[in-house]
Each structure stands twice: as structure tokens, then as C-alpha cells.
Amino acid sequence: MRQLAVLVLVTLLFRPSIGITAAQGNPPPKAYVHVYLIRGLLNVFSLGMDEIAAKLQKHGIYATVHNHLAWPTLAEGAAAEYKSGRVRTIILVGHSAGGDAVASIAARLGELGVPVKLAITLDPGPSHTLASGHVDRYVNYYVSTGIGVAIGRSPQFRGKFQNIDVAKLPGVGHFNIDKNAVIEQKVIGEIRAAL
């Protein structure tokens, strides 16, 4: 039993991504919008990303969930999808270390000349993340009384930027901000408004 538990833990930690789509991991034939949801550390604490993806799918919005460690591959894949014309709108959402990955993906896409419609970070860690790239709107929801931090803009950032402290929301903290119903509604509302 212990060996099975170790095997499951290793699988969760090192799997690069999981796709949650109506077509079992395959994008629809005309996926003009792609929402990338990025989980945080250990790929197990940010299960709210899966809930958000499922709700977006119900609205007919193509969304996939990924491990934060896969960010370089995700950035290259998003750029290729955009340049092929298959995707015209890229949206990034990440929790904790996934928020740091969102910043890295947006920066890389900016270097490749690929715009991001919306980037949302949920309580990114204190790794001195900076908003970068060409992002129409970048929103950072953070809990000032916990691990998360307000983030700044890099000199290369182009777009609208906002830090929103949600510490006063009852019961919200670093480990549940992605599952908080109010935050979930805000994230989905931001995505729908961007489209």
C-alpha cells in the first residue's frame, strides 16, 4: 500500500499537464479561444483550477489545466496555436506557483510577439513575480495577510494592470483562494467579459 501511495504521489508531482476539455483532451476543431489554467506547487493544492475549467466548459469556452512546471512547453504551444490561426484569444489563470508560471508564460509570449487577452494570478508566491509581456488586462488577486503578494510591472509590460487584495473576504487564504466561490465567480466573470 505504501508503494502505491508513493507511486501516486510521484505521478501527481511530475505529470506535466492534464487537459480538461469536452473532447477528452483534444481541442475543438475551431478553438479560437484557449484558457490555460495553471496549478500551483505539487500539482495537488490548486484543484480549484479544475472546477473553473469545468464551469468554463459549460459556457462553451475551451479550457485546459496544467502543472506550473510545464510553463515553457505551454508558452511554445500557445505561440504555435496563435501563429497558426487556430487560436486568436489566449487567457492565462494561475494559482500560487501557477501564478508565477502565468507571468513567465506572458513574458515569453511577449518575446514571441503573441498577445495575451487576459492574465489572472491568484495569490502568487513571494518570488518577486512581475507582470510582463503584451497583456490587455492583468489582474492579481492576492491575500495580503498570508503568503501572496501584490506584484509589480516590468518595464516590458504593455496593458492594463491591477492588484486586488482579497484578505477581507471571509475565510479566504492562500490554500483555498482558487476554490473560494466569490473568487471563482470573479475569475469566470473576468474571462467572460474579456470575450
C-alpha atoms as a PDB file:
ATOM      1  CA  MET A   1       0.000   0.000   0.000  1.00  0.00           C
ATOM      2  CA  ARG A   2       2.848   2.383   0.844  1.00  0.00           C
ATOM      3  CA  GLN A   3       4.473   1.751  -2.562  1.00  0.00           C
ATOM      4  CA  LEU A   4       1.181   2.543  -4.283  1.00  0.00           C
ATOM      5  CA  ALA A   5       0.880   5.813  -2.330  1.00  0.00           C
ATOM      6  CA  VAL A   6       4.431   6.795  -3.327  1.00  0.00           C
ATOM      7  CA  LEU A   7       3.705   5.945  -6.972  1.00  0.00           C
ATOM      8  CA  VAL A   8       0.531   8.077  -6.950  1.00  0.00           C
ATOM      9  CA  LEU A   9       2.369  10.994  -5.315  1.00  0.00           C
ATOM     10  CA  VAL A  10       5.234  10.825  -7.837  1.00  0.00           C
ATOM     11  CA  THR A  11       2.739  10.692 -10.707  1.00  0.00           C
ATOM     12  CA  LEU A  12       0.905  13.756  -9.395  1.00  0.00           C
ATOM     13  CA  LEU A  13       4.102  15.697  -8.846  1.00  0.00           C
ATOM     14  CA  PHE A  14       5.677  15.089 -12.207  1.00  0.00           C
ATOM     15  CA  ARG A  15       2.877  14.889 -14.699  1.00  0.00           C
ATOM     16  CA  PRO A  16       3.309  17.942 -16.891  1.00  0.00           C
ATOM     17  CA  SER A  17      -0.331  18.700 -17.530  1.00  0.00           C
ATOM     18  CA  ILE A  18      -3.844  17.485 -17.618  1.00  0.00           C
ATOM     19  CA  GLY A  19      -6.294  18.616 -20.238  1.00  0.00           C
ATOM     20  CA  ILE A  20      -9.896  19.132 -19.291  1.00  0.00           C
ATOM     21  CA  THR A  21     -11.939  19.512 -22.417  1.00  0.00           C
ATOM     22  CA  ALA A  22     -15.231  18.412 -23.804  1.00  0.00           C
ATOM     23  CA  ALA A  23     -13.318  16.273 -26.325  1.00  0.00           C
ATOM     24  CA  GLN A  24     -11.196  14.374 -23.777  1.00  0.00           C
ATOM     25  CA  GLY A  25      -8.058  16.470 -24.161  1.00  0.00           C
ATOM     26  CA  ASN A  26      -8.426  17.374 -27.831  1.00  0.00           C
ATOM     27  CA  PRO A  27      -9.264  20.970 -28.710  1.00  0.00           C
ATOM     28  CA  PRO A  28     -12.409  21.549 -30.706  1.00  0.00           C
ATOM     29  CA  PRO A  29     -11.873  21.956 -34.478  1.00  0.00           C
ATOM     30  CA  LYS A  30     -12.216  25.741 -34.220  1.00  0.00           C
ATOM     31  CA  ALA A  31     -10.708  26.642 -30.863  1.00  0.00           C
ATOM     32  CA  TYR A  32     -10.479  30.395 -31.268  1.00  0.00           C
ATOM     33  CA  VAL A  33     -10.174  30.852 -27.500  1.00  0.00           C
ATOM     34  CA  HIS A  34      -7.885  28.885 -25.210  1.00  0.00           C
ATOM     35  CA  VAL A  35      -7.909  29.401 -21.450  1.00  0.00           C
ATOM     36  CA  TYR A  36      -4.855  27.940 -19.740  1.00  0.00           C
ATOM     37  CA  LEU A  37      -5.364  27.252 -16.019  1.00  0.00           C
ATOM     38  CA  ILE A  38      -2.125  26.602 -14.141  1.00  0.00           C
ATOM     39  CA  ARG A  39      -1.940  24.717 -10.848  1.00  0.00           C
ATOM     40  CA  GLY A  40       0.479  25.561  -8.058  1.00  0.00           C
ATOM     41  CA  LEU A  41       3.116  23.671  -6.111  1.00  0.00           C
ATOM     42  CA  LEU A  42       2.962  19.864  -6.132  1.00  0.00           C
ATOM     43  CA  ASN A  43       0.107  19.987  -8.653  1.00  0.00           C
ATOM     44  CA  VAL A  44      -2.373  18.959  -5.942  1.00  0.00           C
ATOM     45  CA  PHE A  45      -3.265  22.091  -3.957  1.00  0.00           C
ATOM     46  CA  SER A  46      -4.874  24.037  -6.797  1.00  0.00           C
ATOM     47  CA  LEU A  47      -7.819  21.815  -7.625  1.00  0.00           C
ATOM     48  CA  GLY A  48      -9.986  24.921  -7.927  1.00  0.00           C
ATOM     49  CA  MET A  49      -8.402  25.289 -11.380  1.00  0.00           C
ATOM     50  CA  ASP A  50     -10.223  22.086 -12.387  1.00  0.00           C
ATOM     51  CA  GLU A  51     -13.528  23.465 -11.082  1.00  0.00           C
ATOM     52  CA  ILE A  52     -13.065  26.703 -13.026  1.00  0.00           C
ATOM     53  CA  ALA A  53     -12.190  24.763 -16.189  1.00  0.00           C
ATOM     54  CA  ALA A  54     -15.312  22.625 -15.866  1.00  0.00           C
ATOM     55  CA  LYS A  55     -17.504  25.712 -15.408  1.00  0.00           C
ATOM     56  CA  LEU A  56     -15.907  27.413 -18.419  1.00  0.00           C
ATOM     57  CA  GLN A  57     -16.570  24.289 -20.487  1.00  0.00           C
ATOM     58  CA  LYS A  58     -20.254  24.562 -19.564  1.00  0.00           C
ATOM     59  CA  HIS A  59     -20.170  28.070 -21.074  1.00  0.00           C
ATOM     60  CA  GLY A  60     -18.617  26.649 -24.252  1.00  0.00           C
ATOM     61  CA  ILE A  61     -15.154  28.087 -23.501  1.00  0.00           C
ATOM     62  CA  TYR A  62     -12.198  25.808 -24.241  1.00  0.00           C
ATOM     63  CA  ALA A  63     -10.047  25.447 -21.103  1.00  0.00           C
ATOM     64  CA  THR A  64      -7.185  23.183 -20.055  1.00  0.00           C
ATOM     65  CA  VAL A  65      -5.486  22.643 -16.687  1.00  0.00           C
ATOM     66  CA  HIS A  66      -1.707  22.271 -16.348  1.00  0.00           C
ATOM     67  CA  ASN A  67       1.154  21.804 -13.898  1.00  0.00           C
ATOM     68  CA  HIS A  68       3.142  25.012 -13.302  1.00  0.00           C
ATOM     69  CA  LEU A  69       6.357  23.172 -14.226  1.00  0.00           C
ATOM     70  CA  ALA A  70       5.116  22.819 -17.810  1.00  0.00           C
ATOM     71  CA  TRP A  71       5.123  26.591 -18.448  1.00  0.00           C
ATOM     72  CA  PRO A  72       7.911  26.611 -21.094  1.00  0.00           C
ATOM     73  CA  THR A  73       6.098  23.969 -23.159  1.00  0.00           C
ATOM     74  CA  LEU A  74       2.766  25.748 -22.683  1.00  0.00           C
ATOM     75  CA  ALA A  75       4.217  29.062 -23.873  1.00  0.00           C
ATOM     76  CA  GLU A  76       5.669  27.498 -27.022  1.00  0.00           C
ATOM     77  CA  GLY A  77       2.430  25.597 -27.688  1.00  0.00           C
ATOM     78  CA  ALA A  78       0.282  28.706 -27.195  1.00  0.00           C
ATOM     79  CA  ALA A  79       2.513  30.674 -29.562  1.00  0.00           C
ATOM     80  CA  ALA A  80       2.254  27.946 -32.193  1.00  0.00           C
ATOM     81  CA  GLU A  81      -1.555  27.798 -31.843  1.00  0.00           C
ATOM     82  CA  TYR A  82      -1.780  31.569 -32.174  1.00  0.00           C
ATOM     83  CA  LYS A  83       0.558  31.803 -35.156  1.00  0.00           C
ATOM     84  CA  SER A  84      -1.316  29.011 -36.952  1.00  0.00           C
ATOM     85  CA  GLY A  85      -4.558  30.991 -36.587  1.00  0.00           C
ATOM     86  CA  ARG A  86      -6.206  28.183 -34.671  1.00  0.00           C
ATOM     87  CA  VAL A  87      -6.358  30.315 -31.504  1.00  0.00           C
ATOM     88  CA  ARG A  88      -6.957  34.061 -31.597  1.00  0.00           C
ATOM     89  CA  THR A  89      -7.500  34.670 -27.884  1.00  0.00           C
ATOM     90  CA  ILE A  90      -5.182  33.440 -25.130  1.00  0.00           C
ATOM     91  CA  ILE A  91      -6.186  33.709 -21.473  1.00  0.00           C
ATOM     92  CA  LEU A  92      -3.934  32.644 -18.584  1.00  0.00           C
ATOM     93  CA  VAL A  93      -5.015  31.917 -14.997  1.00  0.00           C
ATOM     94  CA  GLY A  94      -2.732  30.566 -12.282  1.00  0.00           C
ATOM     95  CA  HIS A  95      -2.766  29.898  -8.553  1.00  0.00           C
ATOM     96  CA  SER A  96       0.307  30.194  -6.281  1.00  0.00           C
ATOM     97  CA  ALA A  97       3.332  28.877  -8.239  1.00  0.00           C
ATOM     98  CA  GLY A  98       0.882  28.690 -11.147  1.00  0.00           C
ATOM     99  CA  GLY A  99       0.598  32.481 -10.863  1.00  0.00           C
ATOM    100  CA  ASP A 100       4.358  32.744 -11.229  1.00  0.00           C
ATOM    101  CA  ALA A 101       4.073  30.477 -14.280  1.00  0.00           C
ATOM    102  CA  VAL A 102       1.404  32.784 -15.761  1.00  0.00           C
ATOM    103  CA  ALA A 103       3.851  35.688 -15.516  1.00  0.00           C
ATOM    104  CA  SER A 104       6.566  33.595 -17.199  1.00  0.00           C
ATOM    105  CA  ILE A 105       4.238  32.454 -19.994  1.00  0.00           C
ATOM    106  CA  ALA A 106       3.026  36.010 -20.641  1.00  0.00           C
ATOM    107  CA  ALA A 107       6.630  37.263 -20.756  1.00  0.00           C
ATOM    108  CA  ARG A 108       7.661  34.526 -23.206  1.00  0.00           C
ATOM    109  CA  LEU A 109       4.637  35.124 -25.420  1.00  0.00           C
ATOM    110  CA  GLY A 110       5.509  38.833 -25.418  1.00  0.00           C
ATOM    111  CA  GLU A 111       9.002  37.965 -26.638  1.00  0.00           C
ATOM    112  CA  LEU A 112       7.426  35.882 -29.419  1.00  0.00           C
ATOM    113  CA  GLY A 113       5.060  38.699 -30.431  1.00  0.00           C
ATOM    114  CA  VAL A 114       1.949  36.886 -29.205  1.00  0.00           C
ATOM    115  CA  PRO A 115      -0.635  38.930 -27.261  1.00  0.00           C
ATOM    116  CA  VAL A 116      -2.494  37.686 -24.209  1.00  0.00           C
ATOM    117  CA  LYS A 117      -6.059  38.898 -23.778  1.00  0.00           C
ATOM    118  CA  LEU A 118      -6.260  38.356 -20.018  1.00  0.00           C
ATOM    119  CA  ALA A 119      -3.910  37.115 -17.298  1.00  0.00           C
ATOM    120  CA  ILE A 120      -5.163  36.396 -13.784  1.00  0.00           C
ATOM    121  CA  THR A 121      -2.978  35.360 -10.882  1.00  0.00           C
ATOM    122  CA  LEU A 122      -4.385  34.037  -7.614  1.00  0.00           C
ATOM    123  CA  ASP A 123      -2.091  34.676  -4.658  1.00  0.00           C
ATOM    124  CA  PRO A 124       1.260  34.157  -6.378  1.00  0.00           C
ATOM    125  CA  GLY A 125       4.115  33.367  -4.026  1.00  0.00           C
ATOM    126  CA  PRO A 126       6.723  35.858  -2.837  1.00  0.00           C
ATOM    127  CA  SER A 127       9.080  35.104  -5.731  1.00  0.00           C
ATOM    128  CA  HIS A 128       9.162  38.716  -6.935  1.00  0.00           C
ATOM    129  CA  THR A 129       6.911  37.967  -9.895  1.00  0.00           C
ATOM    130  CA  LEU A 130       6.455  40.877 -12.278  1.00  0.00           C
ATOM    131  CA  ALA A 131       3.746  41.331 -14.886  1.00  0.00           C
ATOM    132  CA  SER A 132       5.389  41.262 -18.285  1.00  0.00           C
ATOM    133  CA  GLY A 133       4.502  40.799 -21.938  1.00  0.00           C
ATOM    134  CA  HIS A 134       1.708  42.265 -24.037  1.00  0.00           C
ATOM    135  CA  VAL A 135      -1.387  41.587 -21.936  1.00  0.00           C
ATOM    136  CA  ASP A 136      -4.598  43.537 -22.495  1.00  0.00           C
ATOM    137  CA  ARG A 137      -5.594  43.119 -18.844  1.00  0.00           C
ATOM    138  CA  TYR A 138      -3.581  41.618 -15.982  1.00  0.00           C
ATOM    139  CA  VAL A 139      -5.304  41.097 -12.606  1.00  0.00           C
ATOM    140  CA  ASN A 140      -3.587  39.840  -9.470  1.00  0.00           C
ATOM    141  CA  TYR A 141      -5.884  38.691  -6.647  1.00  0.00           C
ATOM    142  CA  TYR A 142      -3.803  38.268  -3.502  1.00  0.00           C
ATOM    143  CA  VAL A 143      -4.252  37.766   0.240  1.00  0.00           C
ATOM    144  CA  SER A 144      -2.114  40.412   1.968  1.00  0.00           C
ATOM    145  CA  THR A 145      -2.347  38.628   5.333  1.00  0.00           C
ATOM    146  CA  GLY A 146      -0.805  35.417   4.003  1.00  0.00           C
ATOM    147  CA  ILE A 147       1.764  34.112   1.537  1.00  0.00           C
ATOM    148  CA  GLY A 148       0.654  36.050  -1.527  1.00  0.00           C
ATOM    149  CA  VAL A 149       1.875  39.454  -2.546  1.00  0.00           C
ATOM    150  CA  ALA A 150       0.996  42.417  -4.678  1.00  0.00           C
ATOM    151  CA  ILE A 151       3.086  42.256  -7.832  1.00  0.00           C
ATOM    152  CA  GLY A 152       4.611  44.963  -9.956  1.00  0.00           C
ATOM    153  CA  ARG A 153       5.022  45.644 -13.653  1.00  0.00           C
ATOM    154  CA  SER A 154       8.196  45.007 -15.590  1.00  0.00           C
ATOM    155  CA  PRO A 155       9.400  47.753 -17.957  1.00  0.00           C
ATOM    156  CA  GLN A 156       8.359  45.462 -20.842  1.00  0.00           C
ATOM    157  CA  PHE A 157       4.735  45.179 -19.706  1.00  0.00           C
ATOM    158  CA  ARG A 158       2.100  46.605 -22.035  1.00  0.00           C
ATOM    159  CA  GLY A 159      -1.521  46.650 -20.925  1.00  0.00           C
ATOM    160  CA  LYS A 160      -3.816  47.400 -18.004  1.00  0.00           C
ATOM    161  CA  PHE A 161      -2.737  46.115 -14.617  1.00  0.00           C
ATOM    162  CA  GLN A 162      -4.458  45.750 -11.254  1.00  0.00           C
ATOM    163  CA  ASN A 163      -3.628  44.273  -7.827  1.00  0.00           C
ATOM    164  CA  ILE A 164      -6.702  43.359  -5.752  1.00  0.00           C
ATOM    165  CA  ASP A 165      -6.276  42.465  -2.074  1.00  0.00           C
ATOM    166  CA  VAL A 166      -8.961  39.943  -1.067  1.00  0.00           C
ATOM    167  CA  ALA A 167      -7.819  39.472   2.551  1.00  0.00           C
ATOM    168  CA  LYS A 168     -11.145  40.814   3.833  1.00  0.00           C
ATOM    169  CA  LEU A 169     -13.166  38.041   2.169  1.00  0.00           C
ATOM    170  CA  PRO A 170     -14.330  35.713   4.966  1.00  0.00           C
ATOM    171  CA  GLY A 171     -12.291  32.522   5.147  1.00  0.00           C
ATOM    172  CA  VAL A 172     -10.112  33.180   2.112  1.00  0.00           C
ATOM    173  CA  GLY A 173      -6.459  32.165   2.308  1.00  0.00           C
ATOM    174  CA  HIS A 174      -3.615  31.009   0.137  1.00  0.00           C
ATOM    175  CA  PHE A 175      -4.648  27.353   0.044  1.00  0.00           C
ATOM    176  CA  ASN A 176      -8.305  27.970  -0.819  1.00  0.00           C
ATOM    177  CA  ILE A 177      -8.388  31.191  -2.864  1.00  0.00           C
ATOM    178  CA  ASP A 178      -8.726  29.111  -6.048  1.00  0.00           C
ATOM    179  CA  LYS A 179     -11.732  27.252  -4.577  1.00  0.00           C
ATOM    180  CA  ASN A 180     -13.444  30.275  -2.993  1.00  0.00           C
ATOM    181  CA  ALA A 181     -16.866  30.756  -4.633  1.00  0.00           C
ATOM    182  CA  VAL A 182     -16.569  34.560  -4.766  1.00  0.00           C
ATOM    183  CA  ILE A 183     -13.115  34.430  -6.379  1.00  0.00           C
ATOM    184  CA  GLU A 184     -14.251  31.705  -8.769  1.00  0.00           C
ATOM    185  CA  GLN A 185     -17.142  33.925  -9.884  1.00  0.00           C
ATOM    186  CA  LYS A 186     -14.789  36.880 -10.311  1.00  0.00           C
ATOM    187  CA  VAL A 187     -12.373  34.829 -12.430  1.00  0.00           C
ATOM    188  CA  ILE A 188     -15.126  33.418 -14.641  1.00  0.00           C
ATOM    189  CA  GLY A 189     -16.701  36.893 -14.899  1.00  0.00           C
ATOM    190  CA  GLU A 190     -13.359  38.426 -15.946  1.00  0.00           C
ATOM    191  CA  ILE A 191     -12.904  35.730 -18.589  1.00  0.00           C
ATOM    192  CA  ARG A 192     -16.419  36.110 -19.983  1.00  0.00           C
ATOM    193  CA  ALA A 193     -16.066  39.915 -20.020  1.00  0.00           C
ATOM    194  CA  ALA A 194     -12.770  39.612 -21.917  1.00  0.00           C
ATOM    195  CA  LEU A 195     -14.521  37.567 -24.597  1.00  0.00           C
END
